[in-house]
Amino acid sequence: MKTTKPGMALLLSVALNLGVLGAVLLDRLGPGASSTPAPPLHRVLALDEAQRARWEAVEAPFLQQFEAAAVRLEGHRHALVEALFAESIDPLRIEAERAAIAELQQAQQRLIIEQLIAERAILDVRQREQLLGLLLAQPPARTTVEDLHARPTR
């Protein structure tokens, strides 16, 4: 099968999109995953009662929206993988799933940005610096493709 530049770009985009979910799952369920969960962020940031009430008021709807978007993303990722490995390749179906994934990812990014801005408004200077440090200290997520291809061969 001959691969064109747009086809290769599509495959690389798909691999990246699929990898994000895999990285999250590997991080949470992999061998390095801690058996004791990290304390809630409101505790780490030492929010006072007023801050915590405001935090919970903006956090609950965010988590609900984020989870709903994650479920929709997973459905499109699943459909995309099935389309990629179908008996015959349907480029239009593949592109439709890729576009749906991209649109949902952009919506999730906007949702996260809005949430961080709302949280920032609740925090004092020390807490904002602490949250900034936590966010910047997170290791980059590895994609499933990176993990699968980095496995040792025997």
N, C-alpha and C. Protein backbone atom coordinates (compact mmCIF):
# COMPACT_ATOMS: atom_id res chain seq x y z
N MET A 1 0.85 -1.18 0.00
CA MET A 1 0.00 0.00 0.00
C MET A 1 0.89 1.24 0.00
N LYS A 2 0.65 2.16 -0.88
CA LYS A 2 1.41 3.38 -1.00
C LYS A 2 0.85 4.41 -0.02
N THR A 3 1.74 5.07 0.76
CA THR A 3 1.28 6.06 1.73
C THR A 3 1.60 7.46 1.20
N THR A 4 0.59 8.30 1.12
CA THR A 4 0.78 9.67 0.68
C THR A 4 1.10 10.55 1.87
N LYS A 5 1.57 11.76 1.61
CA LYS A 5 1.87 12.69 2.71
C LYS A 5 0.62 12.98 3.54
N PRO A 6 -0.53 13.29 2.92
CA PRO A 6 -1.73 13.50 3.74
C PRO A 6 -2.12 12.24 4.52
N GLY A 7 -1.95 11.09 3.91
CA GLY A 7 -2.26 9.84 4.60
C GLY A 7 -1.35 9.63 5.79
N MET A 8 -0.07 9.92 5.62
CA MET A 8 0.87 9.78 6.74
C MET A 8 0.54 10.79 7.84
N ALA A 9 0.21 12.01 7.45
CA ALA A 9 -0.16 13.02 8.44
C ALA A 9 -1.39 12.57 9.22
N LEU A 10 -2.35 11.99 8.51
CA LEU A 10 -3.56 11.50 9.17
C LEU A 10 -3.21 10.39 10.16
N LEU A 11 -2.38 9.47 9.75
CA LEU A 11 -1.99 8.38 10.65
C LEU A 11 -1.25 8.89 11.88
N LEU A 12 -0.36 9.86 11.68
CA LEU A 12 0.37 10.43 12.82
C LEU A 12 -0.59 11.15 13.77
N SER A 13 -1.55 11.88 13.19
CA SER A 13 -2.54 12.57 14.01
C SER A 13 -3.37 11.58 14.82
N VAL A 14 -3.77 10.50 14.16
CA VAL A 14 -4.56 9.47 14.82
C VAL A 14 -3.75 8.85 15.95
N ALA A 15 -2.49 8.56 15.68
CA ALA A 15 -1.64 7.94 16.70
C ALA A 15 -1.51 8.85 17.92
N LEU A 16 -1.34 10.13 17.68
CA LEU A 16 -1.24 11.07 18.79
C LEU A 16 -2.53 11.11 19.60
N ASN A 17 -3.65 11.19 18.90
CA ASN A 17 -4.94 11.24 19.60
C ASN A 17 -5.19 9.98 20.41
N LEU A 18 -4.89 8.83 19.83
CA LEU A 18 -5.09 7.57 20.55
C LEU A 18 -4.15 7.46 21.75
N GLY A 19 -2.99 8.02 21.60
CA GLY A 19 -2.01 7.91 22.67
C GLY A 19 -2.36 8.68 23.91
N VAL A 20 -3.05 9.77 23.78
CA VAL A 20 -3.39 10.58 24.95
C VAL A 20 -4.18 9.76 25.96
N LEU A 21 -5.20 9.08 25.49
CA LEU A 21 -6.00 8.26 26.40
C LEU A 21 -5.16 7.14 26.99
N GLY A 22 -4.37 6.49 26.17
CA GLY A 22 -3.52 5.41 26.66
C GLY A 22 -2.54 5.88 27.72
N ALA A 23 -1.98 7.07 27.53
CA ALA A 23 -1.03 7.60 28.51
C ALA A 23 -1.70 7.84 29.86
N VAL A 24 -2.91 8.37 29.81
CA VAL A 24 -3.64 8.59 31.06
C VAL A 24 -3.91 7.27 31.77
N LEU A 25 -4.35 6.28 31.00
CA LEU A 25 -4.64 4.98 31.60
C LEU A 25 -3.38 4.32 32.14
N LEU A 26 -2.29 4.38 31.39
CA LEU A 26 -1.04 3.79 31.86
C LEU A 26 -0.55 4.48 33.12
N ASP A 27 -0.70 5.79 33.16
CA ASP A 27 -0.27 6.54 34.33
C ASP A 27 -1.07 6.14 35.56
N ARG A 28 -2.36 5.95 35.38
CA ARG A 28 -3.23 5.62 36.51
C ARG A 28 -3.20 4.15 36.88
N LEU A 29 -2.99 3.27 35.91
CA LEU A 29 -3.10 1.85 36.16
C LEU A 29 -1.79 1.10 36.02
N GLY A 30 -0.75 1.77 35.57
CA GLY A 30 0.52 1.11 35.29
C GLY A 30 1.27 0.72 36.54
N PRO A 31 2.42 0.07 36.36
CA PRO A 31 3.20 -0.43 37.49
C PRO A 31 3.66 0.66 38.44
N GLY A 32 3.87 1.87 37.93
CA GLY A 32 4.32 2.95 38.80
C GLY A 32 3.20 3.65 39.52
N ALA A 33 1.97 3.25 39.27
CA ALA A 33 0.82 3.91 39.89
C ALA A 33 0.81 3.65 41.39
N SER A 34 0.56 4.67 42.13
CA SER A 34 0.54 4.56 43.58
C SER A 34 -0.73 3.87 44.05
N SER A 35 -0.60 3.05 45.08
CA SER A 35 -1.77 2.38 45.62
C SER A 35 -2.57 3.31 46.51
N THR A 36 -1.95 4.37 47.01
CA THR A 36 -2.68 5.36 47.79
C THR A 36 -2.89 6.60 46.93
N PRO A 37 -4.12 7.02 46.81
CA PRO A 37 -4.38 8.18 45.95
C PRO A 37 -3.79 9.45 46.55
N ALA A 38 -3.45 10.37 45.68
CA ALA A 38 -2.94 11.67 46.13
C ALA A 38 -4.07 12.41 46.83
N PRO A 39 -3.71 13.26 47.79
CA PRO A 39 -4.76 14.02 48.48
C PRO A 39 -5.45 14.97 47.50
N PRO A 40 -6.71 15.30 47.78
CA PRO A 40 -7.43 16.21 46.89
C PRO A 40 -6.69 17.55 46.78
N LEU A 41 -6.82 18.17 45.63
CA LEU A 41 -6.11 19.41 45.37
C LEU A 41 -6.48 20.51 46.37
N HIS A 42 -7.72 20.54 46.81
CA HIS A 42 -8.11 21.57 47.77
C HIS A 42 -7.33 21.43 49.09
N ARG A 43 -6.95 20.21 49.43
CA ARG A 43 -6.12 20.00 50.63
C ARG A 43 -4.67 20.39 50.38
N VAL A 44 -4.17 20.00 49.23
CA VAL A 44 -2.79 20.33 48.87
C VAL A 44 -2.60 21.85 48.88
N LEU A 45 -3.58 22.57 48.36
CA LEU A 45 -3.50 24.02 48.29
C LEU A 45 -3.90 24.70 49.60
N ALA A 46 -4.36 23.94 50.57
CA ALA A 46 -4.79 24.45 51.88
C ALA A 46 -5.82 25.57 51.74
N LEU A 47 -6.91 25.25 51.04
CA LEU A 47 -7.98 26.23 50.87
C LEU A 47 -8.71 26.44 52.19
N ASP A 48 -9.09 27.69 52.45
CA ASP A 48 -9.92 27.93 53.62
C ASP A 48 -11.36 27.56 53.27
N GLU A 49 -12.26 27.64 54.23
CA GLU A 49 -13.64 27.20 54.02
C GLU A 49 -14.35 27.97 52.90
N ALA A 50 -14.16 29.27 52.85
CA ALA A 50 -14.80 30.08 51.80
C ALA A 50 -14.25 29.70 50.43
N GLN A 51 -12.93 29.53 50.35
CA GLN A 51 -12.33 29.13 49.08
C GLN A 51 -12.81 27.75 48.66
N ARG A 52 -12.88 26.85 49.64
CA ARG A 52 -13.29 25.48 49.31
C ARG A 52 -14.73 25.45 48.78
N ALA A 53 -15.60 26.23 49.37
CA ALA A 53 -16.99 26.28 48.89
C ALA A 53 -17.04 26.79 47.45
N ARG A 54 -16.30 27.84 47.15
CA ARG A 54 -16.24 28.37 45.78
C ARG A 54 -15.61 27.35 44.84
N TRP A 55 -14.54 26.69 45.32
CA TRP A 55 -13.82 25.68 44.52
C TRP A 55 -14.77 24.56 44.12
N GLU A 56 -15.49 24.03 45.10
CA GLU A 56 -16.41 22.93 44.82
C GLU A 56 -17.54 23.35 43.90
N ALA A 57 -17.97 24.61 44.00
CA ALA A 57 -19.05 25.10 43.14
C ALA A 57 -18.62 25.14 41.67
N VAL A 58 -17.34 25.43 41.40
CA VAL A 58 -16.89 25.45 40.01
C VAL A 58 -16.33 24.10 39.56
N GLU A 59 -15.90 23.28 40.51
CA GLU A 59 -15.28 22.01 40.17
C GLU A 59 -16.31 20.96 39.74
N ALA A 60 -17.42 20.87 40.43
CA ALA A 60 -18.41 19.82 40.15
C ALA A 60 -18.92 19.87 38.71
N PRO A 61 -19.38 21.02 38.22
CA PRO A 61 -19.85 21.04 36.83
C PRO A 61 -18.71 20.79 35.82
N PHE A 62 -17.51 21.28 36.14
CA PHE A 62 -16.36 21.04 35.26
C PHE A 62 -16.10 19.55 35.13
N LEU A 63 -16.03 18.84 36.25
CA LEU A 63 -15.75 17.41 36.21
C LEU A 63 -16.83 16.65 35.45
N GLN A 64 -18.06 17.06 35.62
CA GLN A 64 -19.17 16.41 34.91
C GLN A 64 -19.04 16.62 33.40
N GLN A 65 -18.75 17.85 32.98
CA GLN A 65 -18.59 18.15 31.56
C GLN A 65 -17.37 17.44 30.99
N PHE A 66 -16.28 17.42 31.76
CA PHE A 66 -15.05 16.80 31.28
C PHE A 66 -15.24 15.30 31.09
N GLU A 67 -15.90 14.66 32.04
CA GLU A 67 -16.15 13.22 31.94
C GLU A 67 -17.04 12.90 30.74
N ALA A 68 -18.07 13.70 30.53
CA ALA A 68 -18.96 13.49 29.39
C ALA A 68 -18.18 13.62 28.08
N ALA A 69 -17.31 14.61 28.00
CA ALA A 69 -16.50 14.78 26.80
C ALA A 69 -15.53 13.62 26.63
N ALA A 70 -14.96 13.13 27.72
CA ALA A 70 -14.03 12.00 27.65
C ALA A 70 -14.74 10.75 27.12
N VAL A 71 -15.98 10.55 27.53
CA VAL A 71 -16.75 9.40 27.05
C VAL A 71 -16.99 9.52 25.55
N ARG A 72 -17.36 10.72 25.09
CA ARG A 72 -17.58 10.93 23.65
C ARG A 72 -16.27 10.74 22.87
N LEU A 73 -15.17 11.25 23.41
CA LEU A 73 -13.87 11.08 22.76
C LEU A 73 -13.52 9.60 22.62
N GLU A 74 -13.71 8.85 23.68
CA GLU A 74 -13.39 7.43 23.64
C GLU A 74 -14.21 6.71 22.58
N GLY A 75 -15.47 7.08 22.44
CA GLY A 75 -16.31 6.48 21.41
C GLY A 75 -15.77 6.74 20.01
N HIS A 76 -15.33 7.97 19.76
CA HIS A 76 -14.78 8.30 18.44
C HIS A 76 -13.42 7.64 18.23
N ARG A 77 -12.61 7.55 19.27
CA ARG A 77 -11.31 6.88 19.14
C ARG A 77 -11.52 5.40 18.80
N HIS A 78 -12.46 4.79 19.46
CA HIS A 78 -12.77 3.39 19.20
C HIS A 78 -13.22 3.21 17.74
N ALA A 79 -14.13 4.09 17.31
CA ALA A 79 -14.62 4.01 15.93
C ALA A 79 -13.50 4.25 14.93
N LEU A 80 -12.57 5.15 15.27
CA LEU A 80 -11.45 5.42 14.38
C LEU A 80 -10.54 4.21 14.23
N VAL A 81 -10.22 3.57 15.34
CA VAL A 81 -9.36 2.38 15.29
C VAL A 81 -10.05 1.28 14.49
N GLU A 82 -11.33 1.10 14.71
CA GLU A 82 -12.06 0.10 13.93
C GLU A 82 -12.03 0.43 12.44
N ALA A 83 -12.17 1.71 12.11
CA ALA A 83 -12.13 2.11 10.70
C ALA A 83 -10.75 1.89 10.10
N LEU A 84 -9.72 2.13 10.87
CA LEU A 84 -8.36 1.94 10.38
C LEU A 84 -8.04 0.47 10.11
N PHE A 85 -8.66 -0.43 10.84
CA PHE A 85 -8.37 -1.84 10.69
C PHE A 85 -9.53 -2.63 10.08
N ALA A 86 -10.45 -1.91 9.45
CA ALA A 86 -11.57 -2.57 8.76
C ALA A 86 -11.04 -3.33 7.55
N GLU A 87 -11.85 -4.24 7.06
CA GLU A 87 -11.47 -5.04 5.89
C GLU A 87 -11.08 -4.13 4.72
N SER A 88 -11.85 -3.07 4.50
CA SER A 88 -11.48 -2.09 3.48
C SER A 88 -11.45 -0.71 4.13
N ILE A 89 -10.47 0.06 3.74
CA ILE A 89 -10.27 1.39 4.31
C ILE A 89 -11.26 2.36 3.69
N ASP A 90 -11.95 3.12 4.55
CA ASP A 90 -12.88 4.16 4.11
C ASP A 90 -12.30 5.50 4.55
N PRO A 91 -11.58 6.19 3.67
CA PRO A 91 -10.93 7.45 4.05
C PRO A 91 -11.91 8.50 4.58
N LEU A 92 -13.12 8.53 4.07
CA LEU A 92 -14.10 9.52 4.54
C LEU A 92 -14.51 9.23 5.99
N ARG A 93 -14.70 7.97 6.31
CA ARG A 93 -15.05 7.60 7.69
C ARG A 93 -13.89 7.91 8.63
N ILE A 94 -12.69 7.60 8.20
CA ILE A 94 -11.51 7.89 9.02
C ILE A 94 -11.40 9.39 9.26
N GLU A 95 -11.55 10.17 8.23
CA GLU A 95 -11.44 11.62 8.37
C GLU A 95 -12.56 12.17 9.24
N ALA A 96 -13.76 11.63 9.13
CA ALA A 96 -14.88 12.10 9.96
C ALA A 96 -14.60 11.84 11.44
N GLU A 97 -14.07 10.67 11.74
CA GLU A 97 -13.75 10.35 13.14
C GLU A 97 -12.60 11.23 13.64
N ARG A 98 -11.59 11.43 12.79
CA ARG A 98 -10.46 12.28 13.17
C ARG A 98 -10.94 13.70 13.46
N ALA A 99 -11.80 14.21 12.60
CA ALA A 99 -12.32 15.57 12.78
C ALA A 99 -13.15 15.67 14.05
N ALA A 100 -13.95 14.65 14.33
CA ALA A 100 -14.76 14.66 15.56
C ALA A 100 -13.86 14.65 16.78
N ILE A 101 -12.80 13.86 16.74
CA ILE A 101 -11.84 13.80 17.86
C ILE A 101 -11.18 15.16 18.05
N ALA A 102 -10.73 15.77 16.95
CA ALA A 102 -10.08 17.07 17.04
C ALA A 102 -11.01 18.13 17.63
N GLU A 103 -12.26 18.12 17.19
CA GLU A 103 -13.23 19.08 17.70
C GLU A 103 -13.48 18.89 19.20
N LEU A 104 -13.63 17.63 19.61
CA LEU A 104 -13.85 17.36 21.03
C LEU A 104 -12.62 17.70 21.87
N GLN A 105 -11.43 17.46 21.34
CA GLN A 105 -10.22 17.81 22.07
C GLN A 105 -10.10 19.32 22.24
N GLN A 106 -10.44 20.07 21.20
CA GLN A 106 -10.42 21.53 21.33
C GLN A 106 -11.43 22.00 22.37
N ALA A 107 -12.60 21.40 22.38
CA ALA A 107 -13.61 21.76 23.38
C ALA A 107 -13.11 21.45 24.78
N GLN A 108 -12.44 20.30 24.95
CA GLN A 108 -11.89 19.95 26.26
C GLN A 108 -10.79 20.93 26.67
N GLN A 109 -9.95 21.33 25.74
CA GLN A 109 -8.91 22.29 26.05
C GLN A 109 -9.52 23.61 26.52
N ARG A 110 -10.56 24.07 25.81
CA ARG A 110 -11.23 25.31 26.22
C ARG A 110 -11.84 25.15 27.62
N LEU A 111 -12.43 24.00 27.88
CA LEU A 111 -13.03 23.73 29.18
C LEU A 111 -11.98 23.78 30.28
N ILE A 112 -10.83 23.17 30.03
CA ILE A 112 -9.75 23.17 31.02
C ILE A 112 -9.24 24.59 31.27
N ILE A 113 -9.06 25.34 30.20
CA ILE A 113 -8.59 26.72 30.35
C ILE A 113 -9.58 27.54 31.16
N GLU A 114 -10.86 27.42 30.85
CA GLU A 114 -11.89 28.14 31.61
C GLU A 114 -11.85 27.74 33.09
N GLN A 115 -11.66 26.44 33.35
CA GLN A 115 -11.62 25.95 34.72
C GLN A 115 -10.42 26.51 35.45
N LEU A 116 -9.26 26.50 34.82
CA LEU A 116 -8.06 27.03 35.47
C LEU A 116 -8.19 28.52 35.77
N ILE A 117 -8.83 29.25 34.87
CA ILE A 117 -9.06 30.68 35.12
C ILE A 117 -10.00 30.87 36.31
N ALA A 118 -11.05 30.04 36.38
CA ALA A 118 -11.99 30.12 37.52
C ALA A 118 -11.28 29.76 38.83
N GLU A 119 -10.44 28.71 38.79
CA GLU A 119 -9.71 28.32 40.00
C GLU A 119 -8.71 29.39 40.39
N ARG A 120 -8.05 29.97 39.41
CA ARG A 120 -7.07 31.03 39.68
C ARG A 120 -7.71 32.17 40.46
N ALA A 121 -8.94 32.52 40.10
CA ALA A 121 -9.64 33.62 40.77
C ALA A 121 -9.96 33.32 42.22
N ILE A 122 -10.00 32.06 42.58
CA ILE A 122 -10.31 31.65 43.95
C ILE A 122 -9.06 31.68 44.84
N LEU A 123 -7.90 31.48 44.25
CA LEU A 123 -6.67 31.28 45.01
C LEU A 123 -5.96 32.59 45.35
N ASP A 124 -5.21 32.56 46.45
CA ASP A 124 -4.35 33.69 46.77
C ASP A 124 -3.02 33.50 46.03
N VAL A 125 -2.12 34.45 46.16
CA VAL A 125 -0.86 34.43 45.41
C VAL A 125 -0.06 33.15 45.70
N ARG A 126 0.08 32.77 46.95
CA ARG A 126 0.86 31.58 47.32
C ARG A 126 0.23 30.33 46.72
N GLN A 127 -1.08 30.24 46.79
CA GLN A 127 -1.78 29.06 46.25
C GLN A 127 -1.67 29.00 44.73
N ARG A 128 -1.75 30.16 44.08
CA ARG A 128 -1.58 30.18 42.61
C ARG A 128 -0.19 29.70 42.23
N GLU A 129 0.82 30.16 42.95
CA GLU A 129 2.19 29.72 42.67
C GLU A 129 2.33 28.22 42.90
N GLN A 130 1.70 27.72 43.95
CA GLN A 130 1.76 26.29 44.24
C GLN A 130 1.07 25.48 43.13
N LEU A 131 -0.10 25.92 42.69
CA LEU A 131 -0.80 25.22 41.62
C LEU A 131 0.00 25.30 40.32
N LEU A 132 0.57 26.45 40.03
CA LEU A 132 1.41 26.59 38.84
C LEU A 132 2.56 25.59 38.88
N GLY A 133 3.21 25.47 40.04
CA GLY A 133 4.30 24.51 40.19
C GLY A 133 3.85 23.08 39.97
N LEU A 134 2.69 22.73 40.51
CA LEU A 134 2.15 21.38 40.32
C LEU A 134 1.86 21.10 38.84
N LEU A 135 1.28 22.07 38.17
CA LEU A 135 0.94 21.88 36.76
C LEU A 135 2.20 21.75 35.90
N LEU A 136 3.19 22.59 36.17
CA LEU A 136 4.42 22.55 35.37
C LEU A 136 5.29 21.34 35.68
N ALA A 137 5.12 20.76 36.87
CA ALA A 137 5.94 19.61 37.26
C ALA A 137 5.40 18.28 36.73
N GLN A 138 4.23 18.29 36.14
CA GLN A 138 3.68 17.05 35.62
C GLN A 138 4.52 16.58 34.45
N PRO A 139 4.87 15.29 34.44
CA PRO A 139 5.67 14.78 33.32
C PRO A 139 4.84 14.76 32.04
N PRO A 140 5.50 14.90 30.90
CA PRO A 140 4.75 14.83 29.64
C PRO A 140 4.14 13.44 29.47
N ALA A 141 2.95 13.41 28.94
CA ALA A 141 2.26 12.14 28.75
C ALA A 141 2.86 11.40 27.56
N ARG A 142 3.10 10.13 27.73
CA ARG A 142 3.55 9.28 26.62
C ARG A 142 2.32 8.74 25.92
N THR A 143 2.42 8.61 24.64
CA THR A 143 1.31 8.07 23.87
C THR A 143 1.38 6.55 23.88
N THR A 144 0.25 5.94 23.60
CA THR A 144 0.21 4.48 23.48
C THR A 144 1.15 4.02 22.39
N VAL A 145 1.19 4.76 21.30
CA VAL A 145 2.06 4.39 20.20
C VAL A 145 3.52 4.39 20.67
N GLU A 146 3.92 5.39 21.44
CA GLU A 146 5.29 5.43 21.96
C GLU A 146 5.55 4.22 22.85
N ASP A 147 4.59 3.92 23.71
CA ASP A 147 4.77 2.78 24.62
C ASP A 147 4.82 1.46 23.86
N LEU A 148 3.95 1.30 22.88
CA LEU A 148 3.94 0.04 22.13
C LEU A 148 5.23 -0.14 21.32
N HIS A 149 5.71 0.94 20.74
CA HIS A 149 6.89 0.84 19.90
C HIS A 149 8.19 0.88 20.70
N ALA A 150 8.12 1.25 21.95
CA ALA A 150 9.32 1.29 22.78
C ALA A 150 9.55 -0.03 23.52
N ARG A 151 8.63 -0.98 23.36
CA ARG A 151 8.78 -2.27 24.02
C ARG A 151 9.99 -3.01 23.45
N PRO A 152 10.72 -3.66 24.33
CA PRO A 152 11.86 -4.41 23.82
C PRO A 152 11.41 -5.59 22.96
N THR A 153 12.15 -5.86 21.92
CA THR A 153 11.85 -7.01 21.07
C THR A 153 12.70 -8.18 21.51
N ARG A 154 12.16 -9.36 21.37
CA ARG A 154 12.91 -10.56 21.78
C ARG A 154 12.90 -11.56 20.68
